[in-house]
Amino acid sequence: MSGVWVFKNGVVRLVENGPGSEQLPAVRRKALLHTPSGQVVSSYASLEAKLTALGWERYYEDPALYQFHKRGCMDLISLPRDFHHFSSVHMYDVVIKNRDSFRVVDS
């Protein structure tokens, strides 16, 4: 049987994925919400359009990243090239630099 090792209260144990085994809580996925439109960002194309409307400019220097810079400040948003690697850490980076326009929500 396969399973997951769980560390709780100083004890490590194997929780198996068989019938009658203890179920682990489901992992909650996060989503980036554009608050003015109420739309969830589902691609870099839609995110780029929303950031461009807010005054962000795309940098093309590093092909491994999507990078955006805003004139008049030192902020830089760096995102992984593949949208499937767009994690909650990257989402919160966008939110911190655009507090009135984005929010991270459970999906």
PDB file of N, CA and C in Angstrom:
ATOM      1  N   MET A   1       0.836  -1.189   0.000  1.00  0.00           N
ATOM      2  CA  MET A   1       0.000   0.000   0.000  1.00  0.00           C
ATOM      3  C   MET A   1       0.876   1.245   0.000  1.00  0.00           C
ATOM      4  N   SER A   2       0.408   2.259  -0.676  1.00  0.00           N
ATOM      5  CA  SER A   2       1.118   3.529  -0.664  1.00  0.00           C
ATOM      6  C   SER A   2       0.480   4.427   0.383  1.00  0.00           C
ATOM      7  N   GLY A   3       1.167   5.488   0.713  1.00  0.00           N
ATOM      8  CA  GLY A   3       0.639   6.391   1.715  1.00  0.00           C
ATOM      9  C   GLY A   3       1.483   7.635   1.840  1.00  0.00           C
ATOM     10  N   VAL A   4       1.231   8.367   2.902  1.00  0.00           N
ATOM     11  CA  VAL A   4       1.925   9.614   3.173  1.00  0.00           C
ATOM     12  C   VAL A   4       2.449   9.574   4.597  1.00  0.00           C
ATOM     13  N   TRP A   5       3.698   9.988   4.779  1.00  0.00           N
ATOM     14  CA  TRP A   5       4.258  10.094   6.120  1.00  0.00           C
ATOM     15  C   TRP A   5       3.782  11.396   6.742  1.00  0.00           C
ATOM     16  N   VAL A   6       3.237  11.322   7.947  1.00  0.00           N
ATOM     17  CA  VAL A   6       2.698  12.483   8.651  1.00  0.00           C
ATOM     18  C   VAL A   6       3.474  12.675   9.945  1.00  0.00           C
ATOM     19  N   PHE A   7       3.924  13.904  10.188  1.00  0.00           N
ATOM     20  CA  PHE A   7       4.621  14.249  11.421  1.00  0.00           C
ATOM     21  C   PHE A   7       3.667  15.094  12.254  1.00  0.00           C
ATOM     22  N   LYS A   8       3.295  14.594  13.443  1.00  0.00           N
ATOM     23  CA  LYS A   8       2.351  15.305  14.291  1.00  0.00           C
ATOM     24  C   LYS A   8       2.708  15.044  15.747  1.00  0.00           C
ATOM     25  N   ASN A   9       2.825  16.116  16.533  1.00  0.00           N
ATOM     26  CA  ASN A   9       3.140  16.030  17.963  1.00  0.00           C
ATOM     27  C   ASN A   9       4.400  15.210  18.228  1.00  0.00           C
ATOM     28  N   GLY A  10       5.405  15.379  17.376  1.00  0.00           N
ATOM     29  CA  GLY A  10       6.674  14.695  17.575  1.00  0.00           C
ATOM     30  C   GLY A  10       6.689  13.240  17.168  1.00  0.00           C
ATOM     31  N   VAL A  11       5.628  12.759  16.527  1.00  0.00           N
ATOM     32  CA  VAL A  11       5.542  11.357  16.121  1.00  0.00           C
ATOM     33  C   VAL A  11       5.372  11.292  14.600  1.00  0.00           C
ATOM     34  N   VAL A  12       6.143  10.414  13.962  1.00  0.00           N
ATOM     35  CA  VAL A  12       6.024  10.194  12.526  1.00  0.00           C
ATOM     36  C   VAL A  12       5.284   8.887  12.304  1.00  0.00           C
ATOM     37  N   ARG A  13       4.270   8.914  11.425  1.00  0.00           N
ATOM     38  CA  ARG A  13       3.541   7.687  11.124  1.00  0.00           C
ATOM     39  C   ARG A  13       3.132   7.694   9.660  1.00  0.00           C
ATOM     40  N   LEU A  14       2.871   6.502   9.135  1.00  0.00           N
ATOM     41  CA  LEU A  14       2.456   6.346   7.751  1.00  0.00           C
ATOM     42  C   LEU A  14       0.938   6.265   7.685  1.00  0.00           C
ATOM     43  N   VAL A  15       0.338   7.144   6.912  1.00  0.00           N
ATOM     44  CA  VAL A  15      -1.103   7.105   6.673  1.00  0.00           C
ATOM     45  C   VAL A  15      -1.281   6.486   5.299  1.00  0.00           C
ATOM     46  N   GLU A  16      -1.893   5.297   5.273  1.00  0.00           N
ATOM     47  CA  GLU A  16      -2.045   4.562   4.019  1.00  0.00           C
ATOM     48  C   GLU A  16      -3.267   5.026   3.252  1.00  0.00           C
ATOM     49  N   ASN A  17      -3.220   4.830   1.950  1.00  0.00           N
ATOM     50  CA  ASN A  17      -4.311   5.234   1.067  1.00  0.00           C
ATOM     51  C   ASN A  17      -5.266   4.086   0.771  1.00  0.00           C
ATOM     52  N   GLY A  18      -5.459   3.211   1.723  1.00  0.00           N
ATOM     53  CA  GLY A  18      -6.344   2.066   1.517  1.00  0.00           C
ATOM     54  C   GLY A  18      -7.720   2.322   2.086  1.00  0.00           C
ATOM     55  N   PRO A  19      -8.642   1.346   1.915  1.00  0.00           N
ATOM     56  CA  PRO A  19      -9.981   1.501   2.475  1.00  0.00           C
ATOM     57  C   PRO A  19      -9.933   1.535   4.000  1.00  0.00           C
ATOM     58  N   GLY A  20     -10.683   2.442   4.570  1.00  0.00           N
ATOM     59  CA  GLY A  20     -10.746   2.547   6.020  1.00  0.00           C
ATOM     60  C   GLY A  20      -9.602   3.332   6.626  1.00  0.00           C
ATOM     61  N   SER A  21      -8.699   3.845   5.803  1.00  0.00           N
ATOM     62  CA  SER A  21      -7.579   4.611   6.356  1.00  0.00           C
ATOM     63  C   SER A  21      -8.016   6.044   6.623  1.00  0.00           C
ATOM     64  N   GLU A  22      -7.274   6.692   7.481  1.00  0.00           N
ATOM     65  CA  GLU A  22      -7.566   8.076   7.843  1.00  0.00           C
ATOM     66  C   GLU A  22      -7.337   8.975   6.637  1.00  0.00           C
ATOM     67  N   GLN A  23      -8.250   9.884   6.396  1.00  0.00           N
ATOM     68  CA  GLN A  23      -8.134  10.793   5.261  1.00  0.00           C
ATOM     69  C   GLN A  23      -7.442  12.082   5.692  1.00  0.00           C
ATOM     70  N   LEU A  24      -6.523  12.551   4.867  1.00  0.00           N
ATOM     71  CA  LEU A  24      -5.865  13.828   5.107  1.00  0.00           C
ATOM     72  C   LEU A  24      -6.735  14.948   4.552  1.00  0.00           C
ATOM     73  N   PRO A  25      -6.650  16.144   5.126  1.00  0.00           N
ATOM     74  CA  PRO A  25      -7.436  17.245   4.586  1.00  0.00           C
ATOM     75  C   PRO A  25      -6.996  17.563   3.158  1.00  0.00           C
ATOM     76  N   ALA A  26      -7.951  17.955   2.337  1.00  0.00           N
ATOM     77  CA  ALA A  26      -7.656  18.280   0.942  1.00  0.00           C
ATOM     78  C   ALA A  26      -6.814  19.549   0.868  1.00  0.00           C
ATOM     79  N   VAL A  27      -5.917  19.576  -0.082  1.00  0.00           N
ATOM     80  CA  VAL A  27      -5.083  20.752  -0.298  1.00  0.00           C
ATOM     81  C   VAL A  27      -5.931  21.795  -1.013  1.00  0.00           C
ATOM     82  N   ARG A  28      -5.953  22.993  -0.454  1.00  0.00           N
ATOM     83  CA  ARG A  28      -6.724  24.058  -1.070  1.00  0.00           C
ATOM     84  C   ARG A  28      -5.856  24.787  -2.084  1.00  0.00           C
ATOM     85  N   ARG A  29      -6.345  24.904  -3.291  1.00  0.00           N
ATOM     86  CA  ARG A  29      -5.646  25.644  -4.329  1.00  0.00           C
ATOM     87  C   ARG A  29      -6.031  27.112  -4.203  1.00  0.00           C
ATOM     88  N   LYS A  30      -5.119  27.967  -4.570  1.00  0.00           N
ATOM     89  CA  LYS A  30      -5.357  29.406  -4.533  1.00  0.00           C
ATOM     90  C   LYS A  30      -5.552  29.924  -5.948  1.00  0.00           C
ATOM     91  N   ALA A  31      -6.224  31.051  -6.062  1.00  0.00           N
ATOM     92  CA  ALA A  31      -6.431  31.699  -7.351  1.00  0.00           C
ATOM     93  C   ALA A  31      -6.248  33.198  -7.172  1.00  0.00           C
ATOM     94  N   LEU A  32      -5.796  33.849  -8.220  1.00  0.00           N
ATOM     95  CA  LEU A  32      -5.621  35.299  -8.217  1.00  0.00           C
ATOM     96  C   LEU A  32      -6.880  35.930  -8.797  1.00  0.00           C
ATOM     97  N   LEU A  33      -7.529  36.774  -8.009  1.00  0.00           N
ATOM     98  CA  LEU A  33      -8.781  37.413  -8.414  1.00  0.00           C
ATOM     99  C   LEU A  33      -8.520  38.873  -8.750  1.00  0.00           C
ATOM    100  N   HIS A  34      -8.958  39.300  -9.927  1.00  0.00           N
ATOM    101  CA  HIS A  34      -8.909  40.717 -10.305  1.00  0.00           C
ATOM    102  C   HIS A  34     -10.177  41.347  -9.738  1.00  0.00           C
ATOM    103  N   THR A  35     -10.026  42.129  -8.674  1.00  0.00           N
ATOM    104  CA  THR A  35     -11.196  42.605  -7.929  1.00  0.00           C
ATOM    105  C   THR A  35     -12.100  43.559  -8.705  1.00  0.00           C
ATOM    106  N   PRO A  36     -11.588  44.493  -9.533  1.00  0.00           N
ATOM    107  CA  PRO A  36     -12.527  45.371 -10.252  1.00  0.00           C
ATOM    108  C   PRO A  36     -13.472  44.619 -11.192  1.00  0.00           C
ATOM    109  N   SER A  37     -12.981  43.551 -11.832  1.00  0.00           N
ATOM    110  CA  SER A  37     -13.826  42.806 -12.773  1.00  0.00           C
ATOM    111  C   SER A  37     -14.460  41.570 -12.141  1.00  0.00           C
ATOM    112  N   GLY A  38     -13.911  41.108 -11.010  1.00  0.00           N
ATOM    113  CA  GLY A  38     -14.408  39.896 -10.377  1.00  0.00           C
ATOM    114  C   GLY A  38     -13.989  38.627 -11.087  1.00  0.00           C
ATOM    115  N   GLN A  39     -13.013  38.722 -11.998  1.00  0.00           N
ATOM    116  CA  GLN A  39     -12.561  37.572 -12.777  1.00  0.00           C
ATOM    117  C   GLN A  39     -11.311  36.954 -12.172  1.00  0.00           C
ATOM    118  N   VAL A  40     -11.243  35.631 -12.203  1.00  0.00           N
ATOM    119  CA  VAL A  40     -10.052  34.908 -11.773  1.00  0.00           C
ATOM    120  C   VAL A  40      -9.064  34.909 -12.929  1.00  0.00           C
ATOM    121  N   VAL A  41      -7.803  35.202 -12.631  1.00  0.00           N
ATOM    122  CA  VAL A  41      -6.755  35.197 -13.649  1.00  0.00           C
ATOM    123  C   VAL A  41      -6.442  33.751 -13.992  1.00  0.00           C
ATOM    124  N   SER A  42      -6.626  33.388 -15.259  1.00  0.00           N
ATOM    125  CA  SER A  42      -6.444  31.995 -15.670  1.00  0.00           C
ATOM    126  C   SER A  42      -5.307  31.803 -16.662  1.00  0.00           C
ATOM    127  N   SER A  43      -4.640  32.902 -17.043  1.00  0.00           N
ATOM    128  CA  SER A  43      -3.515  32.797 -17.974  1.00  0.00           C
ATOM    129  C   SER A  43      -2.643  34.038 -17.839  1.00  0.00           C
ATOM    130  N   TYR A  44      -1.432  33.916 -18.354  1.00  0.00           N
ATOM    131  CA  TYR A  44      -0.544  35.078 -18.339  1.00  0.00           C
ATOM    132  C   TYR A  44      -1.037  36.161 -19.293  1.00  0.00           C
ATOM    133  N   ALA A  45      -1.728  35.787 -20.347  1.00  0.00           N
ATOM    134  CA  ALA A  45      -2.261  36.783 -21.280  1.00  0.00           C
ATOM    135  C   ALA A  45      -3.261  37.696 -20.567  1.00  0.00           C
ATOM    136  N   SER A  46      -4.152  37.112 -19.780  1.00  0.00           N
ATOM    137  CA  SER A  46      -5.130  37.935 -19.061  1.00  0.00           C
ATOM    138  C   SER A  46      -4.459  38.749 -17.956  1.00  0.00           C
ATOM    139  N   LEU A  47      -3.460  38.165 -17.280  1.00  0.00           N
ATOM    140  CA  LEU A  47      -2.738  38.907 -16.242  1.00  0.00           C
ATOM    141  C   LEU A  47      -1.971  40.067 -16.857  1.00  0.00           C
ATOM    142  N   GLU A  48      -1.316  39.823 -17.991  1.00  0.00           N
ATOM    143  CA  GLU A  48      -0.552  40.885 -18.648  1.00  0.00           C
ATOM    144  C   GLU A  48      -1.461  42.036 -19.062  1.00  0.00           C
ATOM    145  N   ALA A  49      -2.641  41.743 -19.575  1.00  0.00           N
ATOM    146  CA  ALA A  49      -3.586  42.792 -19.972  1.00  0.00           C
ATOM    147  C   ALA A  49      -4.003  43.634 -18.767  1.00  0.00           C
ATOM    148  N   LYS A  50      -4.246  42.984 -17.645  1.00  0.00           N
ATOM    149  CA  LYS A  50      -4.672  43.706 -16.445  1.00  0.00           C
ATOM    150  C   LYS A  50      -3.524  44.536 -15.858  1.00  0.00           C
ATOM    151  N   LEU A  51      -2.311  43.983 -15.851  1.00  0.00           N
ATOM    152  CA  LEU A  51      -1.158  44.727 -15.338  1.00  0.00           C
ATOM    153  C   LEU A  51      -0.805  45.901 -16.250  1.00  0.00           C
ATOM    154  N   THR A  52      -0.905  45.706 -17.562  1.00  0.00           N
ATOM    155  CA  THR A  52      -0.625  46.788 -18.511  1.00  0.00           C
ATOM    156  C   THR A  52      -1.602  47.941 -18.300  1.00  0.00           C
ATOM    157  N   ALA A  53      -2.855  47.631 -18.041  1.00  0.00           N
ATOM    158  CA  ALA A  53      -3.859  48.666 -17.778  1.00  0.00           C
ATOM    159  C   ALA A  53      -3.545  49.445 -16.503  1.00  0.00           C
ATOM    160  N   LEU A  54      -2.793  48.820 -15.586  1.00  0.00           N
ATOM    161  CA  LEU A  54      -2.415  49.482 -14.331  1.00  0.00           C
ATOM    162  C   LEU A  54      -1.074  50.215 -14.438  1.00  0.00           C
ATOM    163  N   GLY A  55      -0.469  50.221 -15.634  1.00  0.00           N
ATOM    164  CA  GLY A  55       0.781  50.947 -15.836  1.00  0.00           C
ATOM    165  C   GLY A  55       2.043  50.114 -15.771  1.00  0.00           C
ATOM    166  N   TRP A  56       1.917  48.799 -15.702  1.00  0.00           N
ATOM    167  CA  TRP A  56       3.085  47.918 -15.679  1.00  0.00           C
ATOM    168  C   TRP A  56       3.557  47.668 -17.100  1.00  0.00           C
ATOM    169  N   GLU A  57       4.878  47.557 -17.265  1.00  0.00           N
ATOM    170  CA  GLU A  57       5.479  47.271 -18.565  1.00  0.00           C
ATOM    171  C   GLU A  57       6.176  45.927 -18.511  1.00  0.00           C
ATOM    172  N   ARG A  58       6.066  45.175 -19.583  1.00  0.00           N
ATOM    173  CA  ARG A  58       6.693  43.847 -19.644  1.00  0.00           C
ATOM    174  C   ARG A  58       8.159  43.979 -20.025  1.00  0.00           C
ATOM    175  N   TYR A  59       9.032  43.235 -19.337  1.00  0.00           N
ATOM    176  CA  TYR A  59      10.451  43.121 -19.678  1.00  0.00           C
ATOM    177  C   TYR A  59      10.640  41.801 -20.408  1.00  0.00           C
ATOM    178  N   TYR A  60      11.421  41.821 -21.477  1.00  0.00           N
ATOM    179  CA  TYR A  60      11.639  40.617 -22.278  1.00  0.00           C
ATOM    180  C   TYR A  60      13.071  40.108 -22.185  1.00  0.00           C
ATOM    181  N   GLU A  61      13.885  40.633 -21.264  1.00  0.00           N
ATOM    182  CA  GLU A  61      15.305  40.292 -21.201  1.00  0.00           C
ATOM    183  C   GLU A  61      15.571  38.839 -20.826  1.00  0.00           C
ATOM    184  N   ASP A  62      14.849  38.296 -19.865  1.00  0.00           N
ATOM    185  CA  ASP A  62      15.080  36.923 -19.410  1.00  0.00           C
ATOM    186  C   ASP A  62      13.982  36.020 -19.964  1.00  0.00           C
ATOM    187  N   PRO A  63      14.313  35.136 -20.916  1.00  0.00           N
ATOM    188  CA  PRO A  63      13.274  34.290 -21.511  1.00  0.00           C
ATOM    189  C   PRO A  63      12.696  33.250 -20.548  1.00  0.00           C
ATOM    190  N   ALA A  64      13.346  33.031 -19.410  1.00  0.00           N
ATOM    191  CA  ALA A  64      12.854  32.044 -18.446  1.00  0.00           C
ATOM    192  C   ALA A  64      11.786  32.625 -17.520  1.00  0.00           C
ATOM    193  N   LEU A  65      11.555  33.938 -17.587  1.00  0.00           N
ATOM    194  CA  LEU A  65      10.621  34.594 -16.669  1.00  0.00           C
ATOM    195  C   LEU A  65       9.688  35.545 -17.403  1.00  0.00           C
ATOM    196  N   TYR A  66       8.536  35.765 -16.807  1.00  0.00           N
ATOM    197  CA  TYR A  66       7.682  36.885 -17.172  1.00  0.00           C
ATOM    198  C   TYR A  66       7.993  37.955 -16.140  1.00  0.00           C
ATOM    199  N   GLN A  67       8.456  39.122 -16.590  1.00  0.00           N
ATOM    200  CA  GLN A  67       8.787  40.188 -15.656  1.00  0.00           C
ATOM    201  C   GLN A  67       8.046  41.461 -16.037  1.00  0.00           C
ATOM    202  N   PHE A  68       7.595  42.170 -15.003  1.00  0.00           N
ATOM    203  CA  PHE A  68       6.885  43.426 -15.199  1.00  0.00           C
ATOM    204  C   PHE A  68       7.492  44.481 -14.284  1.00  0.00           C
ATOM    205  N   HIS A  69       7.616  45.706 -14.818  1.00  0.00           N
ATOM    206  CA  HIS A  69       8.155  46.835 -14.058  1.00  0.00           C
ATOM    207  C   HIS A  69       7.203  48.009 -14.220  1.00  0.00           C
ATOM    208  N   LYS A  70       7.094  48.797 -13.164  1.00  0.00           N
ATOM    209  CA  LYS A  70       6.236  49.978 -13.207  1.00  0.00           C
ATOM    210  C   LYS A  70       7.123  51.215 -13.141  1.00  0.00           C
ATOM    211  N   ARG A  71       6.932  52.131 -14.059  1.00  0.00           N
ATOM    212  CA  ARG A  71       7.719  53.369 -14.064  1.00  0.00           C
ATOM    213  C   ARG A  71       7.468  54.156 -12.783  1.00  0.00           C
ATOM    214  N   GLY A  72       8.519  54.803 -12.313  1.00  0.00           N
ATOM    215  CA  GLY A  72       8.384  55.649 -11.139  1.00  0.00           C
ATOM    216  C   GLY A  72       8.538  54.922  -9.817  1.00  0.00           C
ATOM    217  N   CYS A  73       8.780  53.635  -9.849  1.00  0.00           N
ATOM    218  CA  CYS A  73       9.016  52.899  -8.607  1.00  0.00           C
ATOM    219  C   CYS A  73      10.021  51.785  -8.876  1.00  0.00           C
ATOM    220  N   MET A  74      10.482  51.162  -7.837  1.00  0.00           N
ATOM    221  CA  MET A  74      11.499  50.122  -7.969  1.00  0.00           C
ATOM    222  C   MET A  74      10.898  48.717  -7.990  1.00  0.00           C
ATOM    223  N   ASP A  75       9.589  48.611  -8.017  1.00  0.00           N
ATOM    224  CA  ASP A  75       8.941  47.299  -7.974  1.00  0.00           C
ATOM    225  C   ASP A  75       9.179  46.511  -9.257  1.00  0.00           C
ATOM    226  N   LEU A  76       9.385  45.222  -9.086  1.00  0.00           N
ATOM    227  CA  LEU A  76       9.541  44.295 -10.196  1.00  0.00           C
ATOM    228  C   LEU A  76       8.760  43.033  -9.850  1.00  0.00           C
ATOM    229  N   ILE A  77       7.920  42.601 -10.755  1.00  0.00           N
ATOM    230  CA  ILE A  77       7.186  41.349 -10.583  1.00  0.00           C
ATOM    231  C   ILE A  77       7.847  40.316 -11.484  1.00  0.00           C
ATOM    232  N   SER A  78       8.335  39.233 -10.904  1.00  0.00           N
ATOM    233  CA  SER A  78       8.964  38.147 -11.660  1.00  0.00           C
ATOM    234  C   SER A  78       8.145  36.881 -11.479  1.00  0.00           C
ATOM    235  N   LEU A  79       7.731  36.295 -12.589  1.00  0.00           N
ATOM    236  CA  LEU A  79       6.873  35.113 -12.573  1.00  0.00           C
ATOM    237  C   LEU A  79       7.511  34.004 -13.398  1.00  0.00           C
ATOM    238  N   PRO A  80       7.265  32.746 -13.036  1.00  0.00           N
ATOM    239  CA  PRO A  80       7.823  31.645 -13.826  1.00  0.00           C
ATOM    240  C   PRO A  80       7.223  31.630 -15.234  1.00  0.00           C
ATOM    241  N   ARG A  81       7.985  31.169 -16.188  1.00  0.00           N
ATOM    242  CA  ARG A  81       7.556  31.158 -17.592  1.00  0.00           C
ATOM    243  C   ARG A  81       6.288  30.318 -17.802  1.00  0.00           C
ATOM    244  N   ASP A  82       6.192  29.208 -17.117  1.00  0.00           N
ATOM    245  CA  ASP A  82       5.056  28.293 -17.260  1.00  0.00           C
ATOM    246  C   ASP A  82       3.967  28.668 -16.248  1.00  0.00           C
ATOM    247  N   PHE A  83       2.760  28.940 -16.736  1.00  0.00           N
ATOM    248  CA  PHE A  83       1.663  29.350 -15.852  1.00  0.00           C
ATOM    249  C   PHE A  83       1.312  28.272 -14.835  1.00  0.00           C
ATOM    250  N   HIS A  84       1.599  27.011 -15.136  1.00  0.00           N
ATOM    251  CA  HIS A  84       1.308  25.926 -14.191  1.00  0.00           C
ATOM    252  C   HIS A  84       2.198  26.000 -12.949  1.00  0.00           C
ATOM    253  N   HIS A  85       3.284  26.751 -13.013  1.00  0.00           N
ATOM    254  CA  HIS A  85       4.160  26.949 -11.854  1.00  0.00           C
ATOM    255  C   HIS A  85       3.866  28.270 -11.140  1.00  0.00           C
ATOM    256  N   PHE A  86       2.788  28.934 -11.532  1.00  0.00           N
ATOM    257  CA  PHE A  86       2.346  30.184 -10.916  1.00  0.00           C
ATOM    258  C   PHE A  86       1.711  29.835  -9.573  1.00  0.00           C
ATOM    259  N   SER A  87       2.458  30.031  -8.489  1.00  0.00           N
ATOM    260  CA  SER A  87       2.024  29.587  -7.161  1.00  0.00           C
ATOM    261  C   SER A  87       1.466  30.745  -6.339  1.00  0.00           C
ATOM    262  N   SER A  88       1.011  30.428  -5.143  1.00  0.00           N
ATOM    263  CA  SER A  88       0.456  31.455  -4.258  1.00  0.00           C
ATOM    264  C   SER A  88       1.510  32.492  -3.878  1.00  0.00           C
ATOM    265  N   VAL A  89       2.774  32.112  -3.836  1.00  0.00           N
ATOM    266  CA  VAL A  89       3.849  33.078  -3.546  1.00  0.00           C
ATOM    267  C   VAL A  89       3.874  34.154  -4.624  1.00  0.00           C
ATOM    268  N   HIS A  90       3.765  33.747  -5.884  1.00  0.00           N
ATOM    269  CA  HIS A  90       3.752  34.706  -6.987  1.00  0.00           C
ATOM    270  C   HIS A  90       2.477  35.547  -6.957  1.00  0.00           C
ATOM    271  N   MET A  91       1.366  34.917  -6.600  1.00  0.00           N
ATOM    272  CA  MET A  91       0.100  35.645  -6.521  1.00  0.00           C
ATOM    273  C   MET A  91       0.175  36.749  -5.475  1.00  0.00           C
ATOM    274  N   TYR A  92       0.726  36.418  -4.303  1.00  0.00           N
ATOM    275  CA  TYR A  92       0.838  37.426  -3.250  1.00  0.00           C
ATOM    276  C   TYR A  92       1.797  38.539  -3.644  1.00  0.00           C
ATOM    277  N   ASP A  93       2.810  38.244  -4.458  1.00  0.00           N
ATOM    278  CA  ASP A  93       3.711  39.280  -4.957  1.00  0.00           C
ATOM    279  C   ASP A  93       2.934  40.276  -5.816  1.00  0.00           C
ATOM    280  N   VAL A  94       2.047  39.780  -6.668  1.00  0.00           N
ATOM    281  CA  VAL A  94       1.206  40.647  -7.496  1.00  0.00           C
ATOM    282  C   VAL A  94       0.261  41.454  -6.610  1.00  0.00           C
ATOM    283  N   VAL A  95      -0.325  40.826  -5.601  1.00  0.00           N
ATOM    284  CA  VAL A  95      -1.276  41.502  -4.713  1.00  0.00           C
ATOM    285  C   VAL A  95      -0.597  42.620  -3.925  1.00  0.00           C
ATOM    286  N   ILE A  96       0.572  42.351  -3.366  1.00  0.00           N
ATOM    287  CA  ILE A  96       1.270  43.353  -2.552  1.00  0.00           C
ATOM    288  C   ILE A  96       1.582  44.601  -3.373  1.00  0.00           C
ATOM    289  N   LYS A  97       1.896  44.413  -4.631  1.00  0.00           N
ATOM    290  CA  LYS A  97       2.280  45.544  -5.484  1.00  0.00           C
ATOM    291  C   LYS A  97       1.087  46.185  -6.186  1.00  0.00           C
ATOM    292  N   ASN A  98      -0.101  45.619  -6.016  1.00  0.00           N
ATOM    293  CA  ASN A  98      -1.339  46.151  -6.609  1.00  0.00           C
ATOM    294  C   ASN A  98      -2.494  45.905  -5.647  1.00  0.00           C
ATOM    295  N   ARG A  99      -2.409  46.463  -4.475  1.00  0.00           N
ATOM    296  CA  ARG A  99      -3.342  46.141  -3.387  1.00  0.00           C
ATOM    297  C   ARG A  99      -4.818  46.363  -3.727  1.00  0.00           C
ATOM    298  N   ASP A 100      -5.118  47.376  -4.510  1.00  0.00           N
ATOM    299  CA  ASP A 100      -6.521  47.684  -4.799  1.00  0.00           C
ATOM    300  C   ASP A 100      -7.087  46.903  -5.980  1.00  0.00           C
ATOM    301  N   SER A 101      -6.235  46.148  -6.668  1.00  0.00           N
ATOM    302  CA  SER A 101      -6.683  45.514  -7.907  1.00  0.00           C
ATOM    303  C   SER A 101      -6.721  43.996  -7.887  1.00  0.00           C
ATOM    304  N   PHE A 102      -6.012  43.375  -6.946  1.00  0.00           N
ATOM    305  CA  PHE A 102      -5.946  41.917  -6.924  1.00  0.00           C
ATOM    306  C   PHE A 102      -6.120  41.389  -5.511  1.00  0.00           C
ATOM    307  N   ARG A 103      -6.558  40.128  -5.439  1.00  0.00           N
ATOM    308  CA  ARG A 103      -6.731  39.435  -4.163  1.00  0.00           C
ATOM    309  C   ARG A 103      -6.501  37.949  -4.400  1.00  0.00           C
ATOM    310  N   VAL A 104      -5.954  37.251  -3.416  1.00  0.00           N
ATOM    311  CA  VAL A 104      -5.782  35.803  -3.504  1.00  0.00           C
ATOM    312  C   VAL A 104      -6.958  35.153  -2.784  1.00  0.00           C
ATOM    313  N   VAL A 105      -7.610  34.214  -3.474  1.00  0.00           N
ATOM    314  CA  VAL A 105      -8.790  33.537  -2.921  1.00  0.00           C
ATOM    315  C   VAL A 105      -8.617  32.027  -3.055  1.00  0.00           C
ATOM    316  N   ASP A 106      -9.387  31.273  -2.274  1.00  0.00           N
ATOM    317  CA  ASP A 106      -9.421  29.818  -2.426  1.00  0.00           C
ATOM    318  C   ASP A 106     -10.223  29.490  -3.679  1.00  0.00           C
ATOM    319  N   SER A 107      -9.715  28.539  -4.450  1.00  0.00           N
ATOM    320  CA  SER A 107     -10.453  28.183  -5.674  1.00  0.00           C
ATOM    321  C   SER A 107     -11.211  26.885  -5.501  1.00  0.00           C
TER     322      SER A 107
END
